[in-house]
Amino acid sequence: MSVPAKSLWRVLAISAALIFAYLSVLTKLAHDWWTDDNYSHGLLVPFVIGYILWTERRRFGRQSANPQIFLGTAIVVFALVCLWSGIAGAELFMQRISLIFILIGITIYFWGASFLRLLIAPLALLLLAIPIPAIIFNKIAFPMQLFASRCAVWSMSLLDIPVLRQGNVIEMLPLNSTVTKKLEVVEACSGIRSLMTLLTLAFVLSYFTYPKSEESGGRFSWLRSYGFWRSVIIISSAFPIAIFTNALRVSGTGVLARYYGTQVADGFFHNFSGWVIYIVASLLLFAVGWIVDRFNPGGRKNLGNEQQTDSELTSEKKSPTSGGKSPQIASTEVTES
């Protein structure tokens, strides 16, 4: 990837304009990453993006530039309109999403749309680090709260623990107590926090373990590639894994609250169980990738071909020719005699 010398000043001018226009947006975004536990993984995203850009720098350099000035300008104008609308309406999501649009527009302006496919991973990671609007967030979080509370009541009923559920509130009677206690499955226990982090981890895992040997044979050949569907399966599995592990955590908390009191739902145990469940979810995510690789017929075929080639080379080295000597040595001895 190279920029002509006469266009260098335009790159510097646009970079300065981006910093000026998006300084407050980036500052607020970094503040949300630091204070909002649901998006604390965003603190690592810039480093991951930087690492991807650094490791792919040679691939960028081999890509020929095909500037599309009109299309790039149109997307940049659209991004600036989104930024202005977000500022006028005090909508942070619109302001932040305009950053992605303007990066896409600048890329197309200088290097063309064909170059944009090389930046899909960094742009997708940046998108996953942007907090979604609160109205959408609540639409996702509340059903997950209800599901987790239902799973907890179901698991406690299997153990003959008397329990009553009202929405996302679980009412139970701990042992050696005459007063019922209430456990509320709040937003933090809905599982959406682990879902956002696990979804980002799934994307990073699918990117760095993507089969590099696959070659593109056409515009839409990626739809038939094993690597694409492998990534889809890994990323899609983050949803049920996050929901299942969070339901397991809430159920375990409810059972322990029966025998040890509702204080186990707060403090050290609550935080510790969150880390343990997230580690379990990460291991399950890696297990999905491992299982998918086991069912890859192309991978097994290539592995079989490699093993067959190695066995043929080994048999050629060990084959007895002229008293255990190699064919070259035997022919030399015949010539000398």
Protein backbone atom coordinates (compact mmCIF):
# COMPACT_ATOMS: atom_id res chain seq x y z
CA MET A 1 0.00 0.00 0.00
CA SER A 2 1.58 3.20 -1.14
CA VAL A 3 0.39 6.80 -1.41
CA PRO A 4 1.75 9.07 -4.19
CA ALA A 5 3.90 11.93 -2.98
CA LYS A 6 1.57 14.54 -4.48
CA SER A 7 -1.32 13.04 -2.46
CA LEU A 8 0.58 12.89 0.81
CA TRP A 9 -0.55 16.35 1.83
CA ARG A 10 -4.15 15.31 1.34
CA VAL A 11 -3.64 12.32 3.64
CA LEU A 12 -2.13 14.54 6.32
CA ALA A 13 -4.89 17.12 5.95
CA ILE A 14 -7.64 14.49 6.17
CA SER A 15 -5.95 12.87 9.19
CA ALA A 16 -5.82 16.22 10.95
CA ALA A 17 -9.46 16.86 10.06
CA LEU A 18 -10.45 13.44 11.43
CA ILE A 19 -8.71 14.10 14.72
CA PHE A 20 -10.38 17.51 14.97
CA ALA A 21 -13.85 16.21 14.08
CA TYR A 22 -13.80 13.03 16.15
CA LEU A 23 -11.69 13.99 19.15
CA SER A 24 -14.70 14.37 21.45
CA VAL A 25 -16.30 11.21 20.02
CA LEU A 26 -13.19 9.14 20.67
CA THR A 27 -12.76 10.64 24.12
CA LYS A 28 -16.31 9.69 25.14
CA LEU A 29 -15.89 6.25 23.60
CA ALA A 30 -12.72 5.60 25.59
CA HIS A 31 -14.50 6.81 28.73
CA ASP A 32 -17.33 4.33 28.15
CA TRP A 33 -14.83 1.52 27.67
CA TRP A 34 -13.26 2.40 31.01
CA THR A 35 -16.47 2.83 33.01
CA ASP A 36 -18.98 0.48 31.34
CA ASP A 37 -18.29 -3.15 32.22
CA ASN A 38 -20.40 -4.29 29.27
CA TYR A 39 -17.84 -2.86 26.86
CA SER A 40 -14.62 -3.01 28.84
CA HIS A 41 -13.22 -5.32 26.16
CA GLY A 42 -13.05 -2.22 23.97
CA LEU A 43 -9.87 -1.18 25.76
CA LEU A 44 -8.06 -4.07 24.04
CA VAL A 45 -9.63 -3.62 20.61
CA PRO A 46 -7.27 -0.82 19.41
CA PHE A 47 -4.26 -2.98 20.25
CA VAL A 48 -5.73 -5.98 18.42
CA ILE A 49 -6.52 -3.81 15.40
CA GLY A 50 -2.99 -2.40 15.45
CA TYR A 51 -1.54 -5.90 15.58
CA ILE A 52 -3.68 -7.01 12.64
CA LEU A 53 -2.64 -4.01 10.56
CA TRP A 54 1.02 -4.62 11.38
CA THR A 55 0.97 -8.33 10.54
CA GLU A 56 -0.91 -7.68 7.29
CA ARG A 57 1.29 -4.78 6.15
CA ARG A 58 2.97 -6.80 3.39
CA ARG A 59 -0.37 -7.95 2.09
CA PHE A 60 -1.49 -4.34 2.00
CA GLY A 61 1.62 -3.43 0.06
CA ARG A 62 0.91 -6.04 -2.62
CA GLN A 63 -2.61 -4.73 -3.17
CA SER A 64 -2.77 -2.39 -6.15
CA ALA A 65 -4.48 0.96 -5.58
CA ASN A 66 -7.57 1.76 -7.64
CA PRO A 67 -8.94 5.04 -6.25
CA GLN A 68 -12.69 5.63 -6.55
CA ILE A 69 -12.94 9.33 -5.83
CA PHE A 70 -16.67 9.80 -6.46
CA LEU A 71 -17.82 6.81 -4.36
CA GLY A 72 -15.35 7.60 -1.60
CA THR A 73 -16.44 11.24 -1.46
CA ALA A 74 -20.11 10.23 -1.30
CA ILE A 75 -19.50 7.92 1.66
CA VAL A 76 -17.43 10.57 3.46
CA VAL A 77 -20.23 13.11 3.00
CA PHE A 78 -22.74 10.56 4.31
CA ALA A 79 -20.51 9.93 7.35
CA LEU A 80 -20.28 13.66 8.08
CA VAL A 81 -24.07 13.95 7.85
CA CYS A 82 -24.36 11.08 10.36
CA LEU A 83 -21.89 12.85 12.63
CA TRP A 84 -23.81 16.12 12.43
CA SER A 85 -27.12 14.32 13.06
CA GLY A 86 -25.67 12.52 16.06
CA ILE A 87 -24.33 15.73 17.56
CA ALA A 88 -27.59 17.61 16.90
CA GLY A 89 -29.70 14.81 18.38
CA ALA A 90 -27.24 13.95 21.19
CA GLU A 91 -27.09 10.37 19.87
CA LEU A 92 -23.69 8.88 20.67
CA PHE A 93 -24.21 5.74 18.60
CA MET A 94 -24.80 7.78 15.43
CA GLN A 95 -21.65 9.79 16.08
CA ARG A 96 -19.55 6.69 16.65
CA ILE A 97 -20.91 4.72 13.72
CA SER A 98 -20.08 7.66 11.45
CA LEU A 99 -16.42 7.04 12.30
CA ILE A 100 -16.60 3.63 10.63
CA PHE A 101 -18.33 5.11 7.58
CA ILE A 102 -15.74 7.82 7.18
CA LEU A 103 -12.89 5.31 7.45
CA ILE A 104 -14.58 3.24 4.73
CA GLY A 105 -15.00 6.33 2.56
CA ILE A 106 -11.37 7.39 2.94
CA THR A 107 -10.18 3.89 2.10
CA ILE A 108 -12.28 3.79 -1.07
CA TYR A 109 -11.23 7.32 -2.00
CA PHE A 110 -7.51 6.56 -1.94
CA TRP A 111 -7.27 2.81 -2.66
CA GLY A 112 -10.62 1.62 -4.00
CA ALA A 113 -13.35 -0.75 -2.92
CA SER A 114 -11.23 -3.84 -3.65
CA PHE A 115 -8.83 -2.77 -0.90
CA LEU A 116 -11.69 -2.52 1.58
CA ARG A 117 -12.01 -6.31 1.93
CA LEU A 118 -8.58 -6.38 3.55
CA LEU A 119 -9.90 -4.12 6.32
CA ILE A 120 -13.07 -6.07 7.11
CA ALA A 121 -11.60 -7.55 10.31
CA PRO A 122 -10.36 -4.26 11.85
CA LEU A 123 -13.58 -2.45 10.99
CA ALA A 124 -15.70 -5.30 12.36
CA LEU A 125 -13.75 -5.29 15.63
CA LEU A 126 -14.23 -1.54 15.93
CA LEU A 127 -17.96 -2.02 15.33
CA LEU A 128 -18.16 -4.64 18.09
CA ALA A 129 -16.50 -2.20 20.50
CA ILE A 130 -19.11 0.51 19.93
CA PRO A 131 -21.88 0.47 22.57
CA ILE A 132 -25.28 -0.15 21.04
CA PRO A 133 -28.19 2.22 21.79
CA ALA A 134 -29.83 1.75 25.17
CA ILE A 135 -33.22 0.94 23.67
CA ILE A 136 -31.73 -1.97 21.72
CA PHE A 137 -29.56 -3.00 24.65
CA ASN A 138 -32.59 -3.30 26.94
CA LYS A 139 -34.55 -5.22 24.31
CA ILE A 140 -31.80 -7.83 24.37
CA ALA A 141 -30.92 -7.78 28.07
CA PHE A 142 -34.38 -8.16 29.59
CA PRO A 143 -35.35 -11.39 27.75
CA MET A 144 -31.98 -12.80 28.76
CA GLN A 145 -32.75 -11.89 32.39
CA LEU A 146 -36.06 -13.73 32.21
CA PHE A 147 -34.46 -16.77 30.60
CA ALA A 148 -31.74 -16.95 33.25
CA SER A 149 -34.32 -16.67 36.06
CA ARG A 150 -36.44 -19.43 34.47
CA CYS A 151 -33.41 -21.71 34.25
CA ALA A 152 -32.58 -21.03 37.88
CA VAL A 153 -36.11 -21.86 39.03
CA TRP A 154 -36.14 -25.01 36.91
CA SER A 155 -32.82 -26.27 38.28
CA MET A 156 -33.85 -25.50 41.86
CA SER A 157 -37.17 -27.30 41.35
CA LEU A 158 -35.25 -30.40 40.21
CA LEU A 159 -33.52 -30.37 43.62
CA ASP A 160 -36.87 -30.01 45.45
CA ILE A 161 -36.06 -26.47 46.55
CA PRO A 162 -39.23 -24.41 47.12
CA VAL A 163 -39.01 -21.34 44.96
CA LEU A 164 -41.28 -18.73 43.42
CA ARG A 165 -40.50 -16.54 40.43
CA GLN A 166 -42.04 -13.18 39.63
CA GLY A 167 -40.56 -11.86 36.43
CA ASN A 168 -36.82 -11.65 37.00
CA VAL A 169 -37.16 -11.87 40.81
CA ILE A 170 -36.69 -15.25 42.51
CA GLU A 171 -38.20 -15.67 45.98
CA MET A 172 -36.95 -18.53 48.13
CA LEU A 173 -36.59 -19.69 51.73
CA PRO A 174 -32.98 -20.36 52.78
CA LEU A 175 -32.31 -23.15 55.25
CA ASN A 176 -32.55 -22.26 58.94
CA SER A 177 -34.47 -19.11 58.06
CA THR A 178 -38.05 -18.11 58.75
CA VAL A 179 -38.11 -15.20 56.30
CA THR A 180 -38.15 -15.57 52.53
CA LYS A 181 -35.37 -13.92 50.58
CA LYS A 182 -35.44 -12.45 47.11
CA LEU A 183 -32.82 -12.85 44.40
CA GLU A 184 -33.12 -10.39 41.55
CA VAL A 185 -31.56 -11.26 38.21
CA VAL A 186 -30.46 -7.75 37.35
CA GLU A 187 -29.10 -6.47 34.05
CA ALA A 188 -25.54 -7.31 35.04
CA CYS A 189 -26.60 -10.95 35.46
CA SER A 190 -28.47 -11.12 32.16
CA GLY A 191 -25.42 -12.45 30.33
CA ILE A 192 -25.21 -9.68 27.77
CA ARG A 193 -21.89 -8.55 29.23
CA SER A 194 -20.30 -11.92 28.60
CA LEU A 195 -22.08 -12.10 25.24
CA MET A 196 -20.46 -8.91 23.92
CA THR A 197 -17.03 -9.96 25.13
CA LEU A 198 -17.41 -13.53 23.92
CA LEU A 199 -18.62 -12.34 20.52
CA THR A 200 -15.48 -10.24 20.14
CA LEU A 201 -13.33 -13.18 21.25
CA ALA A 202 -15.08 -15.43 18.72
CA PHE A 203 -14.35 -12.98 15.92
CA VAL A 204 -10.68 -12.70 16.92
CA LEU A 205 -10.40 -16.49 17.19
CA SER A 206 -11.99 -17.08 13.79
CA TYR A 207 -9.73 -14.45 12.19
CA PHE A 208 -6.40 -15.62 13.56
CA THR A 209 -7.20 -19.30 12.94
CA TYR A 210 -8.64 -18.73 9.46
CA PRO A 211 -7.13 -21.21 6.96
CA LYS A 212 -4.51 -19.20 5.09
CA SER A 213 -4.10 -21.84 2.38
CA GLU A 214 -7.48 -21.11 0.81
CA GLU A 215 -7.28 -19.15 -2.40
CA SER A 216 -10.08 -17.10 -3.87
CA GLY A 217 -11.34 -18.35 -7.21
CA GLY A 218 -13.94 -15.69 -7.92
CA ARG A 219 -15.94 -12.82 -6.54
CA PHE A 220 -18.29 -15.00 -4.48
CA SER A 221 -16.04 -18.03 -4.04
CA TRP A 222 -15.70 -17.21 -0.34
CA LEU A 223 -19.30 -18.39 0.10
CA ARG A 224 -18.15 -21.91 -0.78
CA SER A 225 -14.98 -21.83 1.28
CA TYR A 226 -14.52 -23.85 4.43
CA GLY A 227 -12.90 -20.92 6.25
CA PHE A 228 -15.94 -18.67 5.81
CA TRP A 229 -18.44 -21.18 7.18
CA ARG A 230 -16.03 -22.14 9.94
CA SER A 231 -15.95 -18.49 11.02
CA VAL A 232 -19.75 -18.27 10.82
CA ILE A 233 -20.13 -21.32 13.06
CA ILE A 234 -17.62 -20.08 15.64
CA ILE A 235 -19.10 -16.57 15.82
CA SER A 236 -22.68 -17.87 15.89
CA SER A 237 -21.83 -20.30 18.69
CA ALA A 238 -20.96 -17.35 20.94
CA PHE A 239 -24.68 -16.62 21.42
CA PRO A 240 -25.84 -19.99 22.82
CA ILE A 241 -22.60 -20.44 24.78
CA ALA A 242 -23.00 -17.06 26.51
CA ILE A 243 -26.67 -17.69 27.28
CA PHE A 244 -26.06 -21.23 28.53
CA THR A 245 -23.10 -20.39 30.77
CA ASN A 246 -24.88 -17.38 32.28
CA ALA A 247 -27.97 -19.51 33.02
CA LEU A 248 -25.64 -22.02 34.66
CA ARG A 249 -24.15 -19.28 36.81
CA VAL A 250 -27.54 -17.93 37.93
CA SER A 251 -28.79 -21.45 38.65
CA GLY A 252 -25.73 -22.26 40.73
CA THR A 253 -26.12 -19.01 42.65
CA GLY A 254 -29.74 -19.85 43.43
CA VAL A 255 -28.89 -23.34 44.68
CA LEU A 256 -26.06 -22.04 46.88
CA ALA A 257 -28.30 -19.29 48.22
CA ARG A 258 -30.64 -22.00 49.49
CA TYR A 259 -27.95 -23.56 51.69
CA TYR A 260 -25.62 -20.64 52.45
CA GLY A 261 -27.88 -17.61 52.28
CA THR A 262 -28.42 -14.89 49.72
CA GLN A 263 -25.10 -13.25 50.60
CA VAL A 264 -23.41 -15.60 48.13
CA ALA A 265 -25.02 -13.56 45.35
CA ASP A 266 -22.95 -10.53 46.33
CA GLY A 267 -19.34 -9.68 46.91
CA PHE A 268 -16.39 -11.94 46.18
CA PHE A 269 -18.35 -15.04 45.16
CA HIS A 270 -20.39 -13.09 42.61
CA ASN A 271 -17.28 -11.64 40.94
CA PHE A 272 -15.33 -14.88 41.16
CA SER A 273 -18.13 -16.94 39.63
CA GLY A 274 -18.30 -14.45 36.78
CA TRP A 275 -14.63 -15.02 35.94
CA VAL A 276 -14.99 -18.79 36.22
CA ILE A 277 -18.03 -18.87 33.96
CA TYR A 278 -16.31 -16.67 31.39
CA ILE A 279 -13.30 -19.00 31.33
CA VAL A 280 -15.67 -21.93 30.82
CA ALA A 281 -17.40 -20.06 28.00
CA SER A 282 -14.05 -19.32 26.34
CA LEU A 283 -13.04 -22.97 26.55
CA LEU A 284 -16.36 -23.99 25.00
CA LEU A 285 -15.75 -21.53 22.19
CA PHE A 286 -12.32 -23.01 21.50
CA ALA A 287 -13.89 -26.48 21.66
CA VAL A 288 -16.36 -25.49 18.93
CA GLY A 289 -13.48 -24.48 16.68
CA TRP A 290 -11.67 -27.73 17.43
CA ILE A 291 -14.77 -29.82 16.66
CA VAL A 292 -15.39 -27.97 13.39
CA ASP A 293 -11.79 -28.65 12.33
CA ARG A 294 -12.28 -32.35 13.03
CA PHE A 295 -15.16 -32.44 10.53
CA ASN A 296 -13.25 -30.65 7.79
CA PRO A 297 -12.98 -33.16 4.91
CA GLY A 298 -10.55 -30.96 3.03
CA GLY A 299 -8.26 -30.72 6.06
CA ARG A 300 -8.28 -34.48 6.56
CA LYS A 301 -7.62 -35.00 2.85
CA ASN A 302 -4.68 -32.63 2.86
CA LEU A 303 -3.36 -34.25 6.03
CA GLY A 304 -3.67 -37.68 4.44
CA ASN A 305 -1.83 -36.52 1.33
CA GLU A 306 0.97 -35.08 3.46
CA GLN A 307 1.27 -38.31 5.46
CA GLN A 308 1.28 -40.37 2.27
CA THR A 309 4.00 -38.19 0.78
CA ASP A 310 6.09 -38.48 3.93
CA SER A 311 5.67 -42.28 3.98
CA GLU A 312 6.70 -42.54 0.34
CA LEU A 313 9.82 -40.49 0.96
CA THR A 314 10.67 -42.61 4.00
CA SER A 315 10.16 -45.87 2.08
CA GLU A 316 12.39 -44.64 -0.73
CA LYS A 317 15.16 -43.87 1.72
CA LYS A 318 14.86 -47.29 3.41
CA SER A 319 14.30 -49.43 0.27
CA PRO A 320 17.12 -52.04 -0.17
CA THR A 321 18.89 -51.55 -3.48
CA SER A 322 22.19 -53.31 -4.26
CA GLY A 323 22.85 -54.65 -0.80
CA GLY A 324 21.10 -51.90 1.15
CA LYS A 325 22.89 -49.11 -0.66
CA SER A 326 21.18 -46.29 -2.43
CA PRO A 327 20.58 -46.52 -6.21
CA GLN A 328 23.03 -43.70 -6.88
CA ILE A 329 25.84 -45.43 -4.97
CA ALA A 330 25.09 -48.77 -6.65
CA SER A 331 25.22 -47.30 -10.14
CA THR A 332 28.52 -45.61 -9.33
CA GLU A 333 30.07 -48.91 -8.21
CA VAL A 334 28.93 -50.68 -11.39
CA THR A 335 30.46 -47.95 -13.54
CA GLU A 336 33.78 -48.14 -11.70
CA SER A 337 33.98 -51.91 -12.02
